[in-house]
Amino acid sequence: MRTGMIYHKNRLAGWATLQLMTVSLLLTVAAGCGGSEGLSPPGESPVAAAPADPVGSAPTDSAAGPLDSTVTPTDSSALPPTDPGTVSTATSASGTQPGIVFGSYYMDVSDLNSVHTGTLRGGGVTADNVLSLLSGVKAKGARIVLKLCMGEDKYVQNSDGTFSFTKWKDLVDRFKNVNFGPYISDGTLLGHFLIDEPQRAAKWGGKVISQATIEAMAKYSKQLWPGMTTVVRVVPSWLASAPVTYTYLDAGWLQYASGKGDASTMVASEAAAAKNKGLGLVVGLNILDGGNGSSGVKGWTSGKYAMSASEIRNYGSTLLNQSYACGFYNWTYNYFGPTYYDRSDIKSALSDLSTKAKAHVRTSCSQ
């Protein structure tokens, strides 16, 4: 356990959903069963417009990056299951569900079931609708991660594309009077997703969001909601590459794709880095853009491939074999995800992983 902790850290919980605009793409399916693979490829740019509430751009974690920041962070010392469709609300509190969450970005409450036990949402979530969304997720016995600064990066960027801590705080402040406590306590609200891919300089006007800034963001969140887990989607090894003590940031994130090398080696390395920094570790797959090409299914991004069912099973099982993992999220259900997820082979693979996630030791993301 991390020492000198000012706030009590709760383990990550799952979260509510909104109605989202799902992008329709052409699906070319070879004759035969629904397990055949073949989606029409996107062009040089995505074929269809991104949905209204993306959490961020297509993920490509980096294990290293420059340590400069586009903002000067606030001085750290100065800042003060059981099948959810068959259980009753009284017994379906997420905190009582077995194992760790198995979810995908952008799922609606109606999409949550005994396989998909969690979702991650950002854009469109407001102080007026967030509690009803959390209530809906709880009723499904599911868990949710909330990105409280909206979805697209543009909402937290300066005119030159660099990160604006001020804009980020203004968006988070919309929820400062919301009582998240009951949903944090019962495990429904898995955590606060602070920001996506801070290490990608190209995404942030040529300057990364530094590790010190990430810790300052986590501290700001803890000032508002002391018990809410704070998470950032970047690998722990990058977080560990700077001399920052993470008192308020709770967890890093490994989103695996085939091009990152051996999955077993990588998850072991990132778990070790997370432990060394006193952080939890969320894992998951980039199933729409992280395949090795064996599926023949064109990905969302030009030149990328979606994972085959065997890749999903193999990579996902490897990640779930890591006992330190505290949650599992796939990228992503939107774009052509709904069509892809409905294929018989993909449904079978995801169901297998969900079963493994339920059997996983109940690990906290707040270490």
Protein backbone atom coordinates (compact mmCIF):
# COMPACT_ATOMS: atom_id res chain seq x y z
CA MET A 1 0.00 0.00 0.00
CA ARG A 2 1.16 3.49 -0.74
CA THR A 3 2.16 5.45 2.38
CA GLY A 4 1.24 9.02 3.27
CA MET A 5 -2.08 8.64 1.60
CA ILE A 6 -4.46 11.50 2.35
CA TYR A 7 -7.47 10.03 0.68
CA HIS A 8 -8.95 6.57 0.98
CA LYS A 9 -8.89 4.82 -2.35
CA ASN A 10 -11.80 2.68 -3.45
CA ARG A 11 -11.48 0.05 -6.13
CA LEU A 12 -12.51 0.78 -9.63
CA ALA A 13 -16.23 0.45 -10.44
CA GLY A 14 -18.19 0.24 -13.69
CA TRP A 15 -20.39 2.98 -15.06
CA ALA A 16 -23.48 4.23 -16.76
CA THR A 17 -24.24 4.86 -20.33
CA LEU A 18 -26.03 7.17 -22.62
CA GLN A 19 -27.69 6.71 -25.93
CA LEU A 20 -24.87 7.23 -28.44
CA MET A 21 -24.67 7.64 -32.16
CA THR A 22 -23.36 4.37 -33.50
CA VAL A 23 -21.54 4.59 -36.76
CA SER A 24 -22.67 2.21 -39.48
CA LEU A 25 -20.06 0.73 -41.75
CA LEU A 26 -20.46 -1.69 -44.63
CA LEU A 27 -19.99 -5.29 -43.64
CA THR A 28 -18.91 -7.76 -46.28
CA VAL A 29 -19.49 -11.21 -44.94
CA ALA A 30 -18.43 -14.26 -46.89
CA ALA A 31 -21.05 -16.90 -47.46
CA GLY A 32 -21.54 -19.20 -44.55
CA CYS A 33 -21.91 -18.80 -40.82
CA GLY A 34 -21.68 -15.54 -38.86
CA GLY A 35 -18.11 -16.45 -37.92
CA SER A 36 -16.78 -15.56 -41.39
CA GLU A 37 -14.62 -12.48 -41.40
CA GLY A 38 -14.49 -9.58 -43.83
CA LEU A 39 -15.37 -5.98 -43.15
CA SER A 40 -15.12 -3.35 -45.85
CA PRO A 41 -11.94 -1.37 -45.21
CA PRO A 42 -11.89 2.28 -44.28
CA GLY A 43 -10.19 4.73 -46.59
CA GLU A 44 -7.14 6.77 -45.72
CA SER A 45 -9.36 8.42 -43.15
CA PRO A 46 -12.13 6.66 -41.21
CA VAL A 47 -15.00 5.91 -43.53
CA ALA A 48 -17.65 7.43 -41.30
CA ALA A 49 -17.68 10.34 -38.93
CA ALA A 50 -16.67 9.61 -35.35
CA PRO A 51 -19.50 9.33 -32.84
CA ALA A 52 -20.63 12.33 -30.87
CA ASP A 53 -18.97 11.28 -27.65
CA PRO A 54 -15.61 9.61 -28.34
CA VAL A 55 -13.35 9.16 -25.35
CA GLY A 56 -10.41 9.95 -27.59
CA SER A 57 -8.65 8.94 -30.78
CA ALA A 58 -7.73 5.39 -31.67
CA PRO A 59 -5.41 4.20 -28.90
CA THR A 60 -1.71 3.59 -29.47
CA ASP A 61 0.08 3.40 -26.13
CA SER A 62 3.72 4.30 -25.99
CA ALA A 63 6.05 3.19 -23.25
CA ALA A 64 8.15 6.31 -23.46
CA GLY A 65 7.87 9.97 -24.27
CA PRO A 66 9.23 13.41 -23.47
CA LEU A 67 8.63 14.68 -19.98
CA ASP A 68 7.71 18.26 -20.80
CA SER A 69 4.16 19.47 -20.27
CA THR A 70 1.92 21.98 -21.93
CA VAL A 71 0.88 23.30 -18.55
CA THR A 72 2.53 23.91 -15.24
CA PRO A 73 0.77 21.59 -12.80
CA THR A 74 -0.47 22.85 -9.51
CA ASP A 75 2.11 22.29 -6.81
CA SER A 76 1.25 18.95 -5.26
CA SER A 77 1.99 20.18 -1.78
CA ALA A 78 -0.24 23.20 -2.14
CA LEU A 79 -3.50 21.47 -3.06
CA PRO A 80 -5.47 21.08 0.15
CA PRO A 81 -21.50 -12.29 -11.72
CA THR A 82 -24.34 -13.61 -11.42
CA ASP A 83 -26.22 -12.85 -14.62
CA PRO A 84 -27.25 -9.24 -14.04
CA GLY A 85 -30.36 -9.83 -16.07
CA THR A 86 -31.65 -12.38 -13.54
CA VAL A 87 -30.78 -10.85 -10.18
CA SER A 88 -32.77 -8.28 -8.29
CA THR A 89 -31.57 -4.72 -7.85
CA ALA A 90 -31.20 -5.35 -4.14
CA THR A 91 -28.57 -8.03 -4.74
CA SER A 92 -27.00 -6.76 -7.96
CA ALA A 93 -24.80 -4.02 -6.51
CA SER A 94 -21.62 -4.11 -8.53
CA GLY A 95 -19.54 -4.42 -5.40
CA THR A 96 -20.95 -7.93 -4.90
CA GLN A 97 -20.25 -9.19 -8.42
CA PRO A 98 -17.45 -11.74 -8.87
CA GLY A 99 -14.06 -11.09 -10.39
CA ILE A 100 -13.18 -7.98 -12.36
CA VAL A 101 -15.19 -5.96 -14.83
CA PHE A 102 -15.27 -7.05 -18.49
CA GLY A 103 -16.45 -4.16 -20.62
CA SER A 104 -16.12 -2.14 -23.78
CA TYR A 105 -16.06 1.56 -24.52
CA TYR A 106 -19.35 3.24 -25.47
CA MET A 107 -21.83 0.55 -24.55
CA ASP A 108 -25.32 1.71 -23.60
CA VAL A 109 -27.08 0.39 -20.51
CA SER A 110 -29.19 -1.78 -22.80
CA ASP A 111 -26.03 -3.44 -24.13
CA LEU A 112 -24.87 -4.59 -20.70
CA ASN A 113 -25.53 -8.22 -19.85
CA SER A 114 -23.94 -11.33 -18.37
CA VAL A 115 -21.03 -11.07 -20.84
CA HIS A 116 -20.50 -7.32 -21.02
CA THR A 117 -20.43 -6.25 -17.38
CA GLY A 118 -19.03 -2.75 -17.84
CA THR A 119 -18.86 0.32 -20.01
CA LEU A 120 -16.84 3.51 -20.32
CA ARG A 121 -18.48 6.80 -21.27
CA GLY A 122 -17.50 10.40 -21.69
CA GLY A 123 -19.24 12.81 -24.04
CA GLY A 124 -22.85 13.58 -23.35
CA VAL A 125 -22.62 12.80 -19.65
CA THR A 126 -23.83 15.81 -17.63
CA ALA A 127 -24.55 16.67 -14.03
CA ASP A 128 -28.26 16.42 -14.87
CA ASN A 129 -28.21 12.92 -16.31
CA VAL A 130 -25.26 11.17 -14.67
CA LEU A 131 -27.13 9.85 -11.62
CA SER A 132 -29.88 8.30 -13.72
CA LEU A 133 -27.20 6.68 -15.86
CA LEU A 134 -25.42 5.30 -12.81
CA SER A 135 -28.74 3.99 -11.54
CA GLY A 136 -29.30 2.19 -14.82
CA VAL A 137 -25.86 0.59 -14.70
CA LYS A 138 -26.40 -0.47 -11.09
CA ALA A 139 -29.71 -2.08 -12.00
CA LYS A 140 -27.81 -4.24 -14.49
CA GLY A 141 -25.26 -5.21 -11.84
CA ALA A 142 -22.60 -3.64 -14.05
CA ARG A 143 -19.72 -1.21 -13.56
CA ILE A 144 -18.82 2.03 -15.26
CA VAL A 145 -15.83 4.32 -15.79
CA LEU A 146 -16.64 7.98 -16.36
CA LYS A 147 -14.59 10.49 -18.31
CA LEU A 148 -15.87 13.72 -16.79
CA CYS A 149 -14.08 16.08 -19.21
CA MET A 150 -16.29 15.04 -22.13
CA GLY A 151 -15.02 12.83 -24.92
CA GLU A 152 -13.05 14.51 -27.67
CA ASP A 153 -9.67 16.06 -26.97
CA LYS A 154 -10.78 19.39 -28.43
CA TYR A 155 -12.72 20.16 -25.27
CA VAL A 156 -9.54 20.35 -23.22
CA GLN A 157 -7.15 21.90 -25.74
CA ASN A 158 -5.77 25.38 -26.15
CA SER A 159 -5.92 27.04 -29.55
CA ASP A 160 -2.53 25.50 -30.41
CA GLY A 161 -3.70 22.00 -29.56
CA THR A 162 -1.84 21.74 -26.28
CA PHE A 163 -3.55 20.53 -23.14
CA SER A 164 -5.42 23.06 -21.01
CA PHE A 165 -5.57 22.15 -17.35
CA THR A 166 -7.97 25.05 -16.86
CA LYS A 167 -10.46 23.75 -19.43
CA TRP A 168 -10.16 20.28 -17.98
CA LYS A 169 -10.96 21.53 -14.47
CA ASP A 170 -13.90 23.58 -15.74
CA LEU A 171 -15.46 20.48 -17.30
CA VAL A 172 -14.84 18.34 -14.23
CA ASP A 173 -16.30 21.09 -12.03
CA ARG A 174 -19.68 20.57 -13.69
CA PHE A 175 -20.03 17.52 -11.45
CA LYS A 176 -18.67 18.98 -8.21
CA ASN A 177 -22.08 18.97 -6.52
CA VAL A 178 -23.04 15.49 -7.69
CA ASN A 179 -23.22 12.91 -4.91
CA PHE A 180 -21.27 10.02 -6.41
CA GLY A 181 -20.75 8.49 -2.97
CA PRO A 182 -23.35 5.70 -3.01
CA TYR A 183 -22.20 4.50 -6.45
CA ILE A 184 -18.55 4.60 -5.43
CA SER A 185 -19.33 2.65 -2.25
CA ASP A 186 -21.33 -0.10 -3.93
CA GLY A 187 -18.86 -0.55 -6.76
CA THR A 188 -21.00 0.76 -9.61
CA LEU A 189 -18.72 3.72 -10.34
CA LEU A 190 -15.41 2.07 -11.06
CA GLY A 191 -13.46 5.28 -11.45
CA HIS A 192 -12.70 8.66 -12.97
CA PHE A 193 -10.91 8.40 -16.33
CA LEU A 194 -8.77 11.54 -16.17
CA ILE A 195 -7.42 11.73 -19.73
CA ASP A 196 -6.52 9.53 -22.67
CA GLU A 197 -2.99 9.00 -24.04
CA PRO A 198 -1.12 11.84 -22.31
CA GLN A 199 2.16 10.49 -23.71
CA ARG A 200 1.25 11.16 -27.37
CA ALA A 201 2.83 14.50 -28.17
CA ALA A 202 1.28 14.55 -31.64
CA LYS A 203 -2.13 14.38 -30.03
CA TRP A 204 -1.46 17.34 -27.75
CA GLY A 205 -0.02 20.05 -29.97
CA GLY A 206 3.47 18.59 -29.94
CA LYS A 207 3.79 18.41 -26.15
CA VAL A 208 2.90 15.54 -23.89
CA ILE A 209 0.86 15.99 -20.75
CA SER A 210 3.55 15.37 -18.16
CA GLN A 211 3.43 12.83 -15.40
CA ALA A 212 3.45 15.65 -12.85
CA THR A 213 0.38 17.14 -14.49
CA ILE A 214 -1.38 13.77 -14.43
CA GLU A 215 -0.76 13.55 -10.68
CA ALA A 216 -2.07 17.10 -10.24
CA MET A 217 -5.22 16.16 -12.17
CA ALA A 218 -5.70 13.14 -9.94
CA LYS A 219 -5.28 15.32 -6.88
CA TYR A 220 -7.90 17.75 -8.13
CA SER A 221 -10.31 14.84 -8.60
CA LYS A 222 -9.61 13.57 -5.09
CA GLN A 223 -10.36 16.99 -3.65
CA LEU A 224 -13.86 16.74 -5.09
CA TRP A 225 -14.43 13.00 -4.55
CA PRO A 226 -11.90 11.57 -2.08
CA GLY A 227 -13.08 7.99 -2.53
CA MET A 228 -13.21 7.89 -6.34
CA THR A 229 -10.51 5.88 -8.08
CA THR A 230 -8.44 7.90 -10.57
CA VAL A 231 -7.26 6.28 -13.78
CA VAL A 232 -5.28 7.42 -16.82
CA ARG A 233 -4.98 5.47 -20.05
CA VAL A 234 -1.26 5.13 -20.45
CA VAL A 235 1.06 2.27 -19.60
CA PRO A 236 2.56 2.26 -16.08
CA SER A 237 6.09 2.10 -17.50
CA TRP A 238 5.60 5.58 -18.95
CA LEU A 239 4.22 6.83 -15.65
CA ALA A 240 7.27 5.30 -13.95
CA SER A 241 9.71 6.99 -16.34
CA ALA A 242 9.48 10.28 -14.43
CA PRO A 243 10.47 10.93 -10.79
CA VAL A 244 6.90 11.47 -9.65
CA THR A 245 5.38 9.98 -6.51
CA TYR A 246 1.80 9.03 -7.28
CA THR A 247 -0.20 9.77 -4.16
CA TYR A 248 -3.47 10.64 -5.88
CA LEU A 249 -3.31 8.75 -9.19
CA ASP A 250 -4.55 5.22 -8.63
CA ALA A 251 -4.02 3.25 -11.84
CA GLY A 252 -2.44 3.08 -15.27
CA TRP A 253 -3.70 1.16 -18.28
CA LEU A 254 -2.34 -1.39 -20.74
CA GLN A 255 -4.39 -1.63 -23.91
CA TYR A 256 -2.80 -4.43 -25.87
CA ALA A 257 -2.42 -4.67 -29.64
CA SER A 258 -0.52 -7.32 -31.57
CA GLY A 259 2.19 -4.90 -32.69
CA LYS A 260 3.34 -4.34 -29.12
CA GLY A 261 5.16 -7.65 -28.87
CA ASP A 262 4.56 -10.70 -26.73
CA ALA A 263 1.47 -10.16 -24.58
CA SER A 264 2.75 -12.21 -21.66
CA THR A 265 6.03 -10.33 -21.49
CA MET A 266 4.34 -6.97 -21.81
CA VAL A 267 1.67 -7.48 -19.17
CA ALA A 268 4.25 -8.85 -16.72
CA SER A 269 6.48 -5.85 -17.33
CA GLU A 270 3.64 -3.34 -16.92
CA ALA A 271 2.37 -5.06 -13.78
CA ALA A 272 5.85 -4.81 -12.31
CA ALA A 273 6.07 -1.11 -13.23
CA ALA A 274 2.64 -0.49 -11.70
CA LYS A 275 3.57 -2.27 -8.46
CA ASN A 276 6.82 -0.34 -8.25
CA LYS A 277 4.92 2.96 -8.40
CA GLY A 278 2.07 1.85 -6.13
CA LEU A 279 -0.44 1.89 -8.99
CA GLY A 280 -3.21 -0.45 -10.08
CA LEU A 281 -3.40 -1.83 -13.62
CA VAL A 282 -6.36 -1.85 -16.00
CA VAL A 283 -5.88 -4.09 -19.04
CA GLY A 284 -7.76 -4.66 -22.27
CA LEU A 285 -7.60 -5.17 -26.01
CA ASN A 286 -7.65 -2.86 -29.00
CA ILE A 287 -9.88 -5.32 -30.83
CA LEU A 288 -10.84 -3.06 -33.76
CA ASP A 289 -7.34 -1.86 -34.69
CA GLY A 290 -4.98 -4.21 -32.86
CA GLY A 291 -5.08 -7.39 -34.92
CA ASN A 292 -2.10 -8.97 -36.68
CA GLY A 293 -3.92 -9.18 -40.02
CA SER A 294 -4.80 -12.87 -39.75
CA SER A 295 -8.49 -12.04 -39.43
CA GLY A 296 -8.63 -10.32 -42.80
CA VAL A 297 -10.98 -7.82 -41.16
CA LYS A 298 -10.02 -4.25 -41.97
CA GLY A 299 -9.81 -2.10 -38.87
CA TRP A 300 -11.21 1.32 -38.15
CA THR A 301 -7.91 2.96 -39.09
CA SER A 302 -6.44 2.57 -42.56
CA GLY A 303 -3.75 -0.11 -42.56
CA LYS A 304 -4.99 -1.66 -39.31
CA TYR A 305 -6.87 -4.90 -38.74
CA ALA A 306 -9.47 -6.00 -36.25
CA MET A 307 -8.59 -9.01 -34.14
CA SER A 308 -9.76 -12.49 -35.04
CA ALA A 309 -11.65 -14.56 -32.51
CA SER A 310 -8.53 -16.59 -31.80
CA GLU A 311 -6.51 -13.43 -31.20
CA ILE A 312 -9.13 -12.14 -28.78
CA ARG A 313 -9.00 -15.42 -26.85
CA ASN A 314 -5.22 -15.74 -26.85
CA TYR A 315 -4.29 -12.14 -26.04
CA GLY A 316 -7.17 -11.65 -23.65
CA SER A 317 -6.49 -14.86 -21.74
CA THR A 318 -2.87 -13.86 -21.36
CA LEU A 319 -3.83 -10.49 -19.91
CA LEU A 320 -6.36 -12.09 -17.57
CA ASN A 321 -3.72 -14.54 -16.32
CA GLN A 322 -2.09 -11.53 -14.66
CA SER A 323 -3.54 -11.52 -11.16
CA TYR A 324 -2.64 -7.84 -10.66
CA ALA A 325 -5.10 -6.70 -13.36
CA CYS A 326 -8.06 -4.87 -11.82
CA GLY A 327 -10.32 -4.39 -14.83
CA PHE A 328 -10.60 -5.33 -18.52
CA TYR A 329 -11.88 -2.96 -21.22
CA ASN A 330 -12.03 -3.40 -25.00
CA TRP A 331 -11.71 -0.66 -27.60
CA THR A 332 -14.38 -0.29 -28.82
CA TYR A 333 -18.10 -0.94 -29.24
CA ASN A 334 -18.80 2.12 -31.38
CA TYR A 335 -17.57 2.66 -34.95
CA PHE A 336 -18.39 -0.73 -36.51
CA GLY A 337 -18.30 -2.50 -33.14
CA PRO A 338 -21.99 -3.39 -32.88
CA THR A 339 -21.80 -5.30 -36.15
CA TYR A 340 -18.46 -6.86 -35.29
CA TYR A 341 -19.52 -7.83 -31.76
CA ASP A 342 -22.60 -9.60 -33.13
CA ARG A 343 -20.60 -12.12 -35.16
CA SER A 344 -20.93 -15.62 -33.74
CA ASP A 345 -17.17 -16.22 -33.48
CA ILE A 346 -16.51 -12.88 -31.82
CA LYS A 347 -19.43 -13.35 -29.41
CA SER A 348 -18.04 -16.72 -28.40
CA ALA A 349 -14.53 -15.35 -27.83
CA LEU A 350 -15.80 -12.41 -25.77
CA SER A 351 -17.99 -14.73 -23.71
CA ASP A 352 -14.98 -16.89 -22.93
CA LEU A 353 -12.99 -13.89 -21.75
CA SER A 354 -15.89 -12.61 -19.67
CA THR A 355 -16.03 -15.97 -17.89
CA LYS A 356 -12.30 -15.68 -17.12
CA ALA A 357 -12.79 -12.13 -15.86
CA LYS A 358 -15.48 -13.34 -13.45
CA ALA A 359 -13.12 -16.02 -12.17
CA HIS A 360 -10.27 -13.52 -11.74
CA VAL A 361 -9.26 -12.58 -8.22
CA ARG A 362 -11.12 -9.43 -7.15
CA THR A 363 -8.25 -6.97 -7.46
CA SER A 364 -8.42 -3.34 -6.45
CA CYS A 365 -7.26 -0.60 -8.79
CA SER A 366 -6.33 1.46 -5.73
CA GLN A 367 -3.06 0.06 -4.49
